[in-house]
Amino acid sequence: MAETVIGLFKTEVIRRSGPWRHLEAVEFATMGWVDWFNRQRLLGPIGDIPPAEAEEEFYATLSESAEAA
């Protein structure tokens, strides 16, 4: 799975936005892509919501379960 994500990153960011002049530019592009990947991308298998939202809902459910017990 890691190889798939790395390939996706290379295709969407590194090759599409290059050539890169500075390492800092690559670092900032990487941070932006990771933020998008985790917080904005809609993921079909979890209901077309971002992964971060699914994680928040998961932990909210755990809290509710613990309070009910």
PDB file of N, CA and C in Angstrom:
ATOM      1  N   MET A   1       0.818  -1.171   0.000  1.00  0.00           N
ATOM      2  CA  MET A   1       0.000   0.000   0.000  1.00  0.00           C
ATOM      3  C   MET A   1       0.877   1.254   0.000  1.00  0.00           C
ATOM      4  N   ALA A   2       1.974   1.213   0.727  1.00  0.00           N
ATOM      5  CA  ALA A   2       2.859   2.375   0.778  1.00  0.00           C
ATOM      6  C   ALA A   2       3.388   2.717  -0.612  1.00  0.00           C
ATOM      7  N   GLU A   3       3.708   1.702  -1.389  1.00  0.00           N
ATOM      8  CA  GLU A   3       4.206   1.956  -2.740  1.00  0.00           C
ATOM      9  C   GLU A   3       3.146   2.624  -3.602  1.00  0.00           C
ATOM     10  N   THR A   4       1.888   2.280  -3.397  1.00  0.00           N
ATOM     11  CA  THR A   4       0.800   2.898  -4.147  1.00  0.00           C
ATOM     12  C   THR A   4       0.677   4.375  -3.801  1.00  0.00           C
ATOM     13  N   VAL A   5       0.751   4.694  -2.510  1.00  0.00           N
ATOM     14  CA  VAL A   5       0.645   6.091  -2.071  1.00  0.00           C
ATOM     15  C   VAL A   5       1.835   6.894  -2.566  1.00  0.00           C
ATOM     16  N   ILE A   6       3.022   6.323  -2.495  1.00  0.00           N
ATOM     17  CA  ILE A   6       4.218   7.022  -2.973  1.00  0.00           C
ATOM     18  C   ILE A   6       4.112   7.275  -4.475  1.00  0.00           C
ATOM     19  N   GLY A   7       3.634   6.288  -5.220  1.00  0.00           N
ATOM     20  CA  GLY A   7       3.459   6.468  -6.666  1.00  0.00           C
ATOM     21  C   GLY A   7       2.436   7.551  -6.970  1.00  0.00           C
ATOM     22  N   LEU A   8       1.343   7.572  -6.230  1.00  0.00           N
ATOM     23  CA  LEU A   8       0.325   8.605  -6.398  1.00  0.00           C
ATOM     24  C   LEU A   8       0.913   9.985  -6.115  1.00  0.00           C
ATOM     25  N   PHE A   9       1.672  10.100  -5.045  1.00  0.00           N
ATOM     26  CA  PHE A   9       2.311  11.367  -4.681  1.00  0.00           C
ATOM     27  C   PHE A   9       3.274  11.829  -5.775  1.00  0.00           C
ATOM     28  N   LYS A  10       4.076  10.918  -6.259  1.00  0.00           N
ATOM     29  CA  LYS A  10       5.030  11.281  -7.315  1.00  0.00           C
ATOM     30  C   LYS A  10       4.312  11.759  -8.567  1.00  0.00           C
ATOM     31  N   THR A  11       3.232  11.078  -8.923  1.00  0.00           N
ATOM     32  CA  THR A  11       2.485  11.444 -10.125  1.00  0.00           C
ATOM     33  C   THR A  11       1.791  12.787  -9.958  1.00  0.00           C
ATOM     34  N   GLU A  12       1.111  12.981  -8.829  1.00  0.00           N
ATOM     35  CA  GLU A  12       0.301  14.178  -8.641  1.00  0.00           C
ATOM     36  C   GLU A  12       1.090  15.416  -8.250  1.00  0.00           C
ATOM     37  N   VAL A  13       2.199  15.250  -7.554  1.00  0.00           N
ATOM     38  CA  VAL A  13       2.919  16.413  -7.043  1.00  0.00           C
ATOM     39  C   VAL A  13       4.287  16.573  -7.691  1.00  0.00           C
ATOM     40  N   ILE A  14       5.118  15.587  -7.550  1.00  0.00           N
ATOM     41  CA  ILE A  14       6.516  15.729  -7.956  1.00  0.00           C
ATOM     42  C   ILE A  14       6.645  15.928  -9.460  1.00  0.00           C
ATOM     43  N   ARG A  15       6.041  15.058 -10.253  1.00  0.00           N
ATOM     44  CA  ARG A  15       6.189  15.177 -11.711  1.00  0.00           C
ATOM     45  C   ARG A  15       5.369  16.323 -12.282  1.00  0.00           C
ATOM     46  N   ARG A  16       4.165  16.526 -11.763  1.00  0.00           N
ATOM     47  CA  ARG A  16       3.273  17.537 -12.309  1.00  0.00           C
ATOM     48  C   ARG A  16       3.756  18.957 -11.997  1.00  0.00           C
ATOM     49  N   SER A  17       4.337  19.174 -10.831  1.00  0.00           N
ATOM     50  CA  SER A  17       4.720  20.530 -10.416  1.00  0.00           C
ATOM     51  C   SER A  17       6.201  20.823 -10.616  1.00  0.00           C
ATOM     52  N   GLY A  18       6.982  19.860 -11.005  1.00  0.00           N
ATOM     53  CA  GLY A  18       8.420  20.067 -11.167  1.00  0.00           C
ATOM     54  C   GLY A  18       8.743  20.814 -12.441  1.00  0.00           C
ATOM     55  N   PRO A  19       9.958  21.146 -12.716  1.00  0.00           N
ATOM     56  CA  PRO A  19      11.146  20.832 -11.913  1.00  0.00           C
ATOM     57  C   PRO A  19      11.225  21.717 -10.662  1.00  0.00           C
ATOM     58  N   TRP A  20      11.824  21.147  -9.650  1.00  0.00           N
ATOM     59  CA  TRP A  20      11.930  21.807  -8.354  1.00  0.00           C
ATOM     60  C   TRP A  20      13.281  22.505  -8.239  1.00  0.00           C
ATOM     61  N   ARG A  21      13.272  23.721  -7.753  1.00  0.00           N
ATOM     62  CA  ARG A  21      14.521  24.479  -7.613  1.00  0.00           C
ATOM     63  C   ARG A  21      15.148  24.323  -6.234  1.00  0.00           C
ATOM     64  N   HIS A  22      14.301  24.105  -5.222  1.00  0.00           N
ATOM     65  CA  HIS A  22      14.810  24.026  -3.851  1.00  0.00           C
ATOM     66  C   HIS A  22      14.116  22.888  -3.109  1.00  0.00           C
ATOM     67  N   LEU A  23      14.832  22.303  -2.190  1.00  0.00           N
ATOM     68  CA  LEU A  23      14.279  21.250  -1.350  1.00  0.00           C
ATOM     69  C   LEU A  23      13.096  21.789  -0.540  1.00  0.00           C
ATOM     70  N   GLU A  24      13.181  23.035  -0.101  1.00  0.00           N
ATOM     71  CA  GLU A  24      12.108  23.635   0.676  1.00  0.00           C
ATOM     72  C   GLU A  24      10.784  23.647  -0.104  1.00  0.00           C
ATOM     73  N   ALA A  25      10.846  23.876  -1.381  1.00  0.00           N
ATOM     74  CA  ALA A  25       9.635  23.873  -2.212  1.00  0.00           C
ATOM     75  C   ALA A  25       9.005  22.483  -2.242  1.00  0.00           C
ATOM     76  N   VAL A  26       9.816  21.456  -2.304  1.00  0.00           N
ATOM     77  CA  VAL A  26       9.314  20.080  -2.283  1.00  0.00           C
ATOM     78  C   VAL A  26       8.684  19.780  -0.922  1.00  0.00           C
ATOM     79  N   GLU A  27       9.314  20.255   0.153  1.00  0.00           N
ATOM     80  CA  GLU A  27       8.780  20.023   1.489  1.00  0.00           C
ATOM     81  C   GLU A  27       7.413  20.681   1.662  1.00  0.00           C
ATOM     82  N   PHE A  28       7.257  21.917   1.202  1.00  0.00           N
ATOM     83  CA  PHE A  28       5.978  22.601   1.326  1.00  0.00           C
ATOM     84  C   PHE A  28       4.909  21.939   0.449  1.00  0.00           C
ATOM     85  N   ALA A  29       5.281  21.516  -0.734  1.00  0.00           N
ATOM     86  CA  ALA A  29       4.336  20.818  -1.603  1.00  0.00           C
ATOM     87  C   ALA A  29       3.901  19.498  -0.958  1.00  0.00           C
ATOM     88  N   THR A  30       4.835  18.821  -0.307  1.00  0.00           N
ATOM     89  CA  THR A  30       4.533  17.569   0.373  1.00  0.00           C
ATOM     90  C   THR A  30       3.559  17.800   1.523  1.00  0.00           C
ATOM     91  N   MET A  31       3.798  18.838   2.313  1.00  0.00           N
ATOM     92  CA  MET A  31       2.884  19.143   3.427  1.00  0.00           C
ATOM     93  C   MET A  31       1.474  19.437   2.921  1.00  0.00           C
ATOM     94  N   GLY A  32       1.370  20.194   1.855  1.00  0.00           N
ATOM     95  CA  GLY A  32       0.064  20.511   1.290  1.00  0.00           C
ATOM     96  C   GLY A  32      -0.657  19.283   0.783  1.00  0.00           C
ATOM     97  N   TRP A  33       0.086  18.390   0.116  1.00  0.00           N
ATOM     98  CA  TRP A  33      -0.527  17.181  -0.421  1.00  0.00           C
ATOM     99  C   TRP A  33      -0.973  16.244   0.701  1.00  0.00           C
ATOM    100  N   VAL A  34      -0.160  16.101   1.731  1.00  0.00           N
ATOM    101  CA  VAL A  34      -0.521  15.235   2.856  1.00  0.00           C
ATOM    102  C   VAL A  34      -1.762  15.781   3.566  1.00  0.00           C
ATOM    103  N   ASP A  35      -1.828  17.097   3.723  1.00  0.00           N
ATOM    104  CA  ASP A  35      -3.015  17.702   4.335  1.00  0.00           C
ATOM    105  C   ASP A  35      -4.255  17.400   3.492  1.00  0.00           C
ATOM    106  N   TRP A  36      -4.148  17.589   2.192  1.00  0.00           N
ATOM    107  CA  TRP A  36      -5.269  17.273   1.302  1.00  0.00           C
ATOM    108  C   TRP A  36      -5.637  15.792   1.410  1.00  0.00           C
ATOM    109  N   PHE A  37      -4.642  14.926   1.385  1.00  0.00           N
ATOM    110  CA  PHE A  37      -4.868  13.475   1.387  1.00  0.00           C
ATOM    111  C   PHE A  37      -5.604  13.036   2.647  1.00  0.00           C
ATOM    112  N   ASN A  38      -5.293  13.654   3.786  1.00  0.00           N
ATOM    113  CA  ASN A  38      -5.896  13.247   5.056  1.00  0.00           C
ATOM    114  C   ASN A  38      -7.156  14.017   5.429  1.00  0.00           C
ATOM    115  N   ARG A  39      -7.267  15.277   5.006  1.00  0.00           N
ATOM    116  CA  ARG A  39      -8.351  16.122   5.509  1.00  0.00           C
ATOM    117  C   ARG A  39      -9.392  16.533   4.477  1.00  0.00           C
ATOM    118  N   GLN A  40      -9.113  16.430   3.189  1.00  0.00           N
ATOM    119  CA  GLN A  40     -10.045  16.927   2.193  1.00  0.00           C
ATOM    120  C   GLN A  40     -10.494  15.875   1.184  1.00  0.00           C
ATOM    121  N   ARG A  41      -9.653  14.895   0.930  1.00  0.00           N
ATOM    122  CA  ARG A  41      -9.953  13.862  -0.070  1.00  0.00           C
ATOM    123  C   ARG A  41     -11.154  13.050   0.379  1.00  0.00           C
ATOM    124  N   LEU A  42     -12.098  12.853  -0.519  1.00  0.00           N
ATOM    125  CA  LEU A  42     -13.271  12.047  -0.205  1.00  0.00           C
ATOM    126  C   LEU A  42     -12.962  10.587  -0.514  1.00  0.00           C
ATOM    127  N   LEU A  43     -13.158   9.745   0.459  1.00  0.00           N
ATOM    128  CA  LEU A  43     -12.800   8.333   0.345  1.00  0.00           C
ATOM    129  C   LEU A  43     -14.071   7.490   0.287  1.00  0.00           C
ATOM    130  N   GLY A  44     -14.298   6.876  -0.861  1.00  0.00           N
ATOM    131  CA  GLY A  44     -15.514   6.116  -1.109  1.00  0.00           C
ATOM    132  C   GLY A  44     -15.804   4.996  -0.123  1.00  0.00           C
ATOM    133  N   PRO A  45     -14.844   4.138   0.207  1.00  0.00           N
ATOM    134  CA  PRO A  45     -15.144   3.004   1.088  1.00  0.00           C
ATOM    135  C   PRO A  45     -15.632   3.399   2.488  1.00  0.00           C
ATOM    136  N   ILE A  46     -15.415   4.640   2.889  1.00  0.00           N
ATOM    137  CA  ILE A  46     -15.868   5.061   4.223  1.00  0.00           C
ATOM    138  C   ILE A  46     -17.022   6.056   4.130  1.00  0.00           C
ATOM    139  N   GLY A  47     -17.700   6.098   2.988  1.00  0.00           N
ATOM    140  CA  GLY A  47     -18.890   6.922   2.861  1.00  0.00           C
ATOM    141  C   GLY A  47     -18.678   8.269   2.204  1.00  0.00           C
ATOM    142  N   ASP A  48     -17.679   8.387   1.361  1.00  0.00           N
ATOM    143  CA  ASP A  48     -17.376   9.638   0.662  1.00  0.00           C
ATOM    144  C   ASP A  48     -17.163  10.799   1.622  1.00  0.00           C
ATOM    145  N   ILE A  49     -16.411  10.520   2.692  1.00  0.00           N
ATOM    146  CA  ILE A  49     -16.014  11.566   3.622  1.00  0.00           C
ATOM    147  C   ILE A  49     -14.489  11.528   3.753  1.00  0.00           C
ATOM    148  N   PRO A  50     -13.877  12.618   4.212  1.00  0.00           N
ATOM    149  CA  PRO A  50     -12.425  12.618   4.379  1.00  0.00           C
ATOM    150  C   PRO A  50     -11.991  11.672   5.508  1.00  0.00           C
ATOM    151  N   PRO A  51     -10.801  11.105   5.406  1.00  0.00           N
ATOM    152  CA  PRO A  51     -10.315  10.205   6.453  1.00  0.00           C
ATOM    153  C   PRO A  51     -10.291  10.849   7.839  1.00  0.00           C
ATOM    154  N   ALA A  52      -9.925  12.113   7.930  1.00  0.00           N
ATOM    155  CA  ALA A  52      -9.877  12.779   9.236  1.00  0.00           C
ATOM    156  C   ALA A  52     -11.267  12.848   9.867  1.00  0.00           C
ATOM    157  N   GLU A  53     -12.282  13.080   9.055  1.00  0.00           N
ATOM    158  CA  GLU A  53     -13.658  13.130   9.568  1.00  0.00           C
ATOM    159  C   GLU A  53     -14.095  11.752  10.053  1.00  0.00           C
ATOM    160  N   ALA A  54     -13.741  10.714   9.331  1.00  0.00           N
ATOM    161  CA  ALA A  54     -14.074   9.351   9.747  1.00  0.00           C
ATOM    162  C   ALA A  54     -13.388   9.016  11.069  1.00  0.00           C
ATOM    163  N   GLU A  55     -12.156   9.456  11.226  1.00  0.00           N
ATOM    164  CA  GLU A  55     -11.435   9.208  12.467  1.00  0.00           C
ATOM    165  C   GLU A  55     -12.102   9.932  13.637  1.00  0.00           C
ATOM    166  N   GLU A  56     -12.515  11.181  13.429  1.00  0.00           N
ATOM    167  CA  GLU A  56     -13.204  11.930  14.479  1.00  0.00           C
ATOM    168  C   GLU A  56     -14.499  11.231  14.887  1.00  0.00           C
ATOM    169  N   GLU A  57     -15.256  10.758  13.901  1.00  0.00           N
ATOM    170  CA  GLU A  57     -16.499  10.045  14.194  1.00  0.00           C
ATOM    171  C   GLU A  57     -16.229   8.751  14.964  1.00  0.00           C
ATOM    172  N   PHE A  58     -15.161   8.056  14.603  1.00  0.00           N
ATOM    173  CA  PHE A  58     -14.797   6.821  15.280  1.00  0.00           C
ATOM    174  C   PHE A  58     -14.518   7.080  16.755  1.00  0.00           C
ATOM    175  N   TYR A  59     -13.695   8.091  17.048  1.00  0.00           N
ATOM    176  CA  TYR A  59     -13.354   8.370  18.437  1.00  0.00           C
ATOM    177  C   TYR A  59     -14.539   8.937  19.208  1.00  0.00           C
ATOM    178  N   ALA A  60     -15.424   9.665  18.544  1.00  0.00           N
ATOM    179  CA  ALA A  60     -16.644  10.141  19.197  1.00  0.00           C
ATOM    180  C   ALA A  60     -17.520   8.967  19.586  1.00  0.00           C
ATOM    181  N   THR A  61     -17.613   7.963  18.720  1.00  0.00           N
ATOM    182  CA  THR A  61     -18.382   6.765  19.026  1.00  0.00           C
ATOM    183  C   THR A  61     -17.789   6.010  20.205  1.00  0.00           C
ATOM    184  N   LEU A  62     -16.458   5.946  20.271  1.00  0.00           N
ATOM    185  CA  LEU A  62     -15.812   5.284  21.400  1.00  0.00           C
ATOM    186  C   LEU A  62     -16.121   6.015  22.701  1.00  0.00           C
ATOM    187  N   SER A  63     -16.093   7.338  22.673  1.00  0.00           N
ATOM    188  CA  SER A  63     -16.387   8.136  23.858  1.00  0.00           C
ATOM    189  C   SER A  63     -17.814   7.889  24.323  1.00  0.00           C
ATOM    190  N   GLU A  64     -18.745   7.880  23.369  1.00  0.00           N
ATOM    191  CA  GLU A  64     -20.140   7.637  23.706  1.00  0.00           C
ATOM    192  C   GLU A  64     -20.344   6.252  24.292  1.00  0.00           C
ATOM    193  N   SER A  65     -19.647   5.270  23.751  1.00  0.00           N
ATOM    194  CA  SER A  65     -19.741   3.896  24.256  1.00  0.00           C
ATOM    195  C   SER A  65     -19.186   3.800  25.682  1.00  0.00           C
ATOM    196  N   ALA A  66     -18.084   4.490  25.936  1.00  0.00           N
ATOM    197  CA  ALA A  66     -17.478   4.461  27.255  1.00  0.00           C
ATOM    198  C   ALA A  66     -18.378   5.158  28.279  1.00  0.00           C
ATOM    199  N   GLU A  67     -19.019   6.245  27.883  1.00  0.00           N
ATOM    200  CA  GLU A  67     -19.915   6.968  28.780  1.00  0.00           C
ATOM    201  C   GLU A  67     -21.165   6.147  29.081  1.00  0.00           C
ATOM    202  N   ALA A  68     -21.640   5.387  28.113  1.00  0.00           N
ATOM    203  CA  ALA A  68     -22.835   4.576  28.298  1.00  0.00           C
ATOM    204  C   ALA A  68     -22.577   3.378  29.207  1.00  0.00           C
ATOM    205  N   ALA A  69     -21.332   2.945  29.258  1.00  0.00           N
ATOM    206  CA  ALA A  69     -20.985   1.747  30.059  1.00  0.00           C
ATOM    207  C   ALA A  69     -20.768   2.064  31.482  1.00  0.00           C
TER     208      ALA A  69
END
